[in-house]
Amino acid sequence: MKYFKISEFECNCGCGTNNMDMNTVSKLNDAREYSGIPYNLNSACRCPEHNENEGASSTSSHVATKNKKCKAVDIRCDNSPDRLRIVNGLIKAGFTRIGIAKTFVHADTDGAKPDAIWLY
């Protein structure tokens, strides 16, 4: 990976869960290249317990288990110019599921869910 370390995709609770989908990582690397700015990940893989503690849906694309790959990341972002660069990079890289919040941009490659851009 050009822009990311494997450890950046681990569950934030410290359990070590990291079953990241490599297609998602490849697209994320491409998006980072297109954006031209660093991507700092707030969240990637989550174990089911951490996901529940975050108050997220049990069907979250962040959830990773031994048998289920994580297909989502949240990229830290707190200003409009960077948000635009990140979203443009994600779209150019082929992401079709993007969520926009005040402090982060969510991107996932979960083909079981409909393509969408949403606000938090």
C-alpha atoms as a PDB file:
ATOM      1  CA  MET A   1       0.000   0.000   0.000  1.00  0.00           C
ATOM      2  CA  LYS A   2       1.364   3.366  -1.003  1.00  0.00           C
ATOM      3  CA  TYR A   3      -0.388   5.620   1.508  1.00  0.00           C
ATOM      4  CA  PHE A   4      -1.551   3.414   4.382  1.00  0.00           C
ATOM      5  CA  LYS A   5      -0.174   1.006   6.964  1.00  0.00           C
ATOM      6  CA  ILE A   6      -2.127  -2.162   7.761  1.00  0.00           C
ATOM      7  CA  SER A   7      -2.349  -0.999  11.396  1.00  0.00           C
ATOM      8  CA  GLU A   8      -4.442   2.035  10.346  1.00  0.00           C
ATOM      9  CA  PHE A   9      -7.338  -0.319   9.564  1.00  0.00           C
ATOM     10  CA  GLU A  10      -7.457  -2.020  13.012  1.00  0.00           C
ATOM     11  CA  CYS A  11     -10.409  -1.697  15.356  1.00  0.00           C
ATOM     12  CA  ASN A  12     -10.027   1.348  17.625  1.00  0.00           C
ATOM     13  CA  CYS A  13     -10.936  -0.631  20.770  1.00  0.00           C
ATOM     14  CA  GLY A  14      -7.527  -2.324  20.774  1.00  0.00           C
ATOM     15  CA  CYS A  15      -8.802  -5.855  20.130  1.00  0.00           C
ATOM     16  CA  GLY A  16      -6.700  -6.147  16.965  1.00  0.00           C
ATOM     17  CA  THR A  17      -9.614  -6.888  14.610  1.00  0.00           C
ATOM     18  CA  ASN A  18      -8.431  -6.116  11.096  1.00  0.00           C
ATOM     19  CA  ASN A  19     -10.096  -7.995   8.258  1.00  0.00           C
ATOM     20  CA  MET A  20     -10.046  -5.202   5.696  1.00  0.00           C
ATOM     21  CA  ASP A  21     -11.284  -5.812   2.164  1.00  0.00           C
ATOM     22  CA  MET A  22      -8.291  -5.252  -0.113  1.00  0.00           C
ATOM     23  CA  ASN A  23     -10.460  -3.920  -2.973  1.00  0.00           C
ATOM     24  CA  THR A  24     -11.579  -1.149  -0.616  1.00  0.00           C
ATOM     25  CA  VAL A  25      -7.953  -0.433   0.335  1.00  0.00           C
ATOM     26  CA  SER A  26      -6.906  -0.312  -3.320  1.00  0.00           C
ATOM     27  CA  LYS A  27      -9.656   2.190  -4.141  1.00  0.00           C
ATOM     28  CA  LEU A  28      -8.740   4.207  -1.043  1.00  0.00           C
ATOM     29  CA  ASN A  29      -5.110   4.401  -2.186  1.00  0.00           C
ATOM     30  CA  ASP A  30      -6.300   5.626  -5.591  1.00  0.00           C
ATOM     31  CA  ALA A  31      -8.620   8.190  -3.984  1.00  0.00           C
ATOM     32  CA  ARG A  32      -5.805   9.490  -1.797  1.00  0.00           C
ATOM     33  CA  GLU A  33      -3.634   9.890  -4.905  1.00  0.00           C
ATOM     34  CA  TYR A  34      -6.378  11.790  -6.746  1.00  0.00           C
ATOM     35  CA  SER A  35      -7.141  14.031  -3.748  1.00  0.00           C
ATOM     36  CA  GLY A  36      -3.543  15.072  -3.263  1.00  0.00           C
ATOM     37  CA  ILE A  37      -3.926  15.420   0.513  1.00  0.00           C
ATOM     38  CA  PRO A  38      -3.279  13.002   3.391  1.00  0.00           C
ATOM     39  CA  TYR A  39      -6.130  10.816   4.614  1.00  0.00           C
ATOM     40  CA  ASN A  40      -6.264  10.368   8.393  1.00  0.00           C
ATOM     41  CA  LEU A  41      -8.618   7.527   9.266  1.00  0.00           C
ATOM     42  CA  ASN A  42     -10.939   7.949  12.246  1.00  0.00           C
ATOM     43  CA  SER A  43     -12.346   4.469  11.839  1.00  0.00           C
ATOM     44  CA  ALA A  44     -12.037   1.429   9.599  1.00  0.00           C
ATOM     45  CA  CYS A  45     -12.549  -2.137  10.868  1.00  0.00           C
ATOM     46  CA  ARG A  46     -14.662  -2.571  13.973  1.00  0.00           C
ATOM     47  CA  CYS A  47     -15.301  -5.685  15.977  1.00  0.00           C
ATOM     48  CA  PRO A  48     -19.031  -6.237  16.628  1.00  0.00           C
ATOM     49  CA  GLU A  49     -18.658  -5.122  20.269  1.00  0.00           C
ATOM     50  CA  HIS A  50     -16.913  -1.854  19.401  1.00  0.00           C
ATOM     51  CA  ASN A  51     -19.440  -1.177  16.640  1.00  0.00           C
ATOM     52  CA  GLU A  52     -22.273  -1.609  19.159  1.00  0.00           C
ATOM     53  CA  ASN A  53     -20.512   0.682  21.652  1.00  0.00           C
ATOM     54  CA  GLU A  54     -20.272   3.319  18.907  1.00  0.00           C
ATOM     55  CA  GLY A  55     -24.055   3.116  18.525  1.00  0.00           C
ATOM     56  CA  ALA A  56     -23.700   2.049  14.887  1.00  0.00           C
ATOM     57  CA  SER A  57     -25.999  -0.292  13.002  1.00  0.00           C
ATOM     58  CA  SER A  58     -25.314  -4.022  13.310  1.00  0.00           C
ATOM     59  CA  THR A  59     -25.248  -4.064   9.488  1.00  0.00           C
ATOM     60  CA  SER A  60     -22.484  -1.432   9.368  1.00  0.00           C
ATOM     61  CA  SER A  61     -19.956  -1.913   6.583  1.00  0.00           C
ATOM     62  CA  HIS A  62     -17.265  -1.223   9.218  1.00  0.00           C
ATOM     63  CA  VAL A  63     -17.937  -4.511  11.025  1.00  0.00           C
ATOM     64  CA  ALA A  64     -15.260  -7.136  10.506  1.00  0.00           C
ATOM     65  CA  THR A  65     -15.171 -10.687  11.776  1.00  0.00           C
ATOM     66  CA  LYS A  66     -13.172 -13.759  10.853  1.00  0.00           C
ATOM     67  CA  ASN A  67     -15.695 -14.441   8.085  1.00  0.00           C
ATOM     68  CA  LYS A  68     -16.720 -10.896   7.117  1.00  0.00           C
ATOM     69  CA  LYS A  69     -14.491  -8.235   5.567  1.00  0.00           C
ATOM     70  CA  CYS A  70     -14.621  -4.580   6.545  1.00  0.00           C
ATOM     71  CA  LYS A  71     -15.495  -2.454   3.525  1.00  0.00           C
ATOM     72  CA  ALA A  72     -15.686   1.012   5.104  1.00  0.00           C
ATOM     73  CA  VAL A  73     -13.513   3.842   6.357  1.00  0.00           C
ATOM     74  CA  ASP A  74     -14.125   7.226   7.947  1.00  0.00           C
ATOM     75  CA  ILE A  75     -11.648   9.897   6.861  1.00  0.00           C
ATOM     76  CA  ARG A  76     -11.090  12.792   9.274  1.00  0.00           C
ATOM     77  CA  CYS A  77     -11.993  16.146   7.716  1.00  0.00           C
ATOM     78  CA  ASP A  78     -13.050  19.427   9.294  1.00  0.00           C
ATOM     79  CA  ASN A  79     -13.050  21.971   6.466  1.00  0.00           C
ATOM     80  CA  SER A  80     -14.860  22.409   3.166  1.00  0.00           C
ATOM     81  CA  PRO A  81     -11.863  22.656   0.792  1.00  0.00           C
ATOM     82  CA  ASP A  82     -10.432  19.326   2.037  1.00  0.00           C
ATOM     83  CA  ARG A  83     -13.901  17.756   2.103  1.00  0.00           C
ATOM     84  CA  LEU A  84     -14.334  18.638  -1.575  1.00  0.00           C
ATOM     85  CA  ARG A  85     -10.927  17.184  -2.468  1.00  0.00           C
ATOM     86  CA  ILE A  86     -11.657  13.981  -0.536  1.00  0.00           C
ATOM     87  CA  VAL A  87     -15.116  13.482  -2.040  1.00  0.00           C
ATOM     88  CA  ASN A  88     -13.844  14.190  -5.563  1.00  0.00           C
ATOM     89  CA  GLY A  89     -11.007  11.710  -5.048  1.00  0.00           C
ATOM     90  CA  LEU A  90     -13.385   9.045  -3.729  1.00  0.00           C
ATOM     91  CA  ILE A  91     -15.730   9.440  -6.685  1.00  0.00           C
ATOM     92  CA  LYS A  92     -12.877   9.377  -9.187  1.00  0.00           C
ATOM     93  CA  ALA A  93     -11.554   6.177  -7.533  1.00  0.00           C
ATOM     94  CA  GLY A  94     -14.946   4.507  -7.969  1.00  0.00           C
ATOM     95  CA  PHE A  95     -16.567   4.804  -4.543  1.00  0.00           C
ATOM     96  CA  THR A  96     -20.349   4.936  -4.922  1.00  0.00           C
ATOM     97  CA  ARG A  97     -21.276   5.019  -1.225  1.00  0.00           C
ATOM     98  CA  ILE A  98     -20.176   8.219   0.520  1.00  0.00           C
ATOM     99  CA  GLY A  99     -21.419   9.793   3.740  1.00  0.00           C
ATOM    100  CA  ILE A 100     -20.568  13.364   4.659  1.00  0.00           C
ATOM    101  CA  ALA A 101     -20.385  14.592   8.249  1.00  0.00           C
ATOM    102  CA  LYS A 102     -19.037  17.749   9.876  1.00  0.00           C
ATOM    103  CA  THR A 103     -15.792  16.066  10.991  1.00  0.00           C
ATOM    104  CA  PHE A 104     -15.360  13.105   8.633  1.00  0.00           C
ATOM    105  CA  VAL A 105     -16.185  11.571   5.268  1.00  0.00           C
ATOM    106  CA  HIS A 106     -17.348   7.952   5.180  1.00  0.00           C
ATOM    107  CA  ALA A 107     -16.598   5.756   2.159  1.00  0.00           C
ATOM    108  CA  ASP A 108     -17.455   2.123   1.586  1.00  0.00           C
ATOM    109  CA  THR A 109     -17.573  -0.498  -1.145  1.00  0.00           C
ATOM    110  CA  ASP A 110     -20.402  -2.605   0.269  1.00  0.00           C
ATOM    111  CA  GLY A 111     -22.091  -4.000  -2.844  1.00  0.00           C
ATOM    112  CA  ALA A 112     -24.947  -5.392  -0.747  1.00  0.00           C
ATOM    113  CA  LYS A 113     -26.152  -1.830  -0.152  1.00  0.00           C
ATOM    114  CA  PRO A 114     -27.477   0.744  -2.650  1.00  0.00           C
ATOM    115  CA  ASP A 115     -25.248   3.425  -4.122  1.00  0.00           C
ATOM    116  CA  ALA A 116     -25.786   6.715  -2.307  1.00  0.00           C
ATOM    117  CA  ILE A 117     -24.348   9.940  -0.988  1.00  0.00           C
ATOM    118  CA  TRP A 118     -25.792  10.954   2.387  1.00  0.00           C
ATOM    119  CA  LEU A 119     -25.377  13.454   5.193  1.00  0.00           C
ATOM    120  CA  TYR A 120     -24.961  12.587   8.867  1.00  0.00           C
END
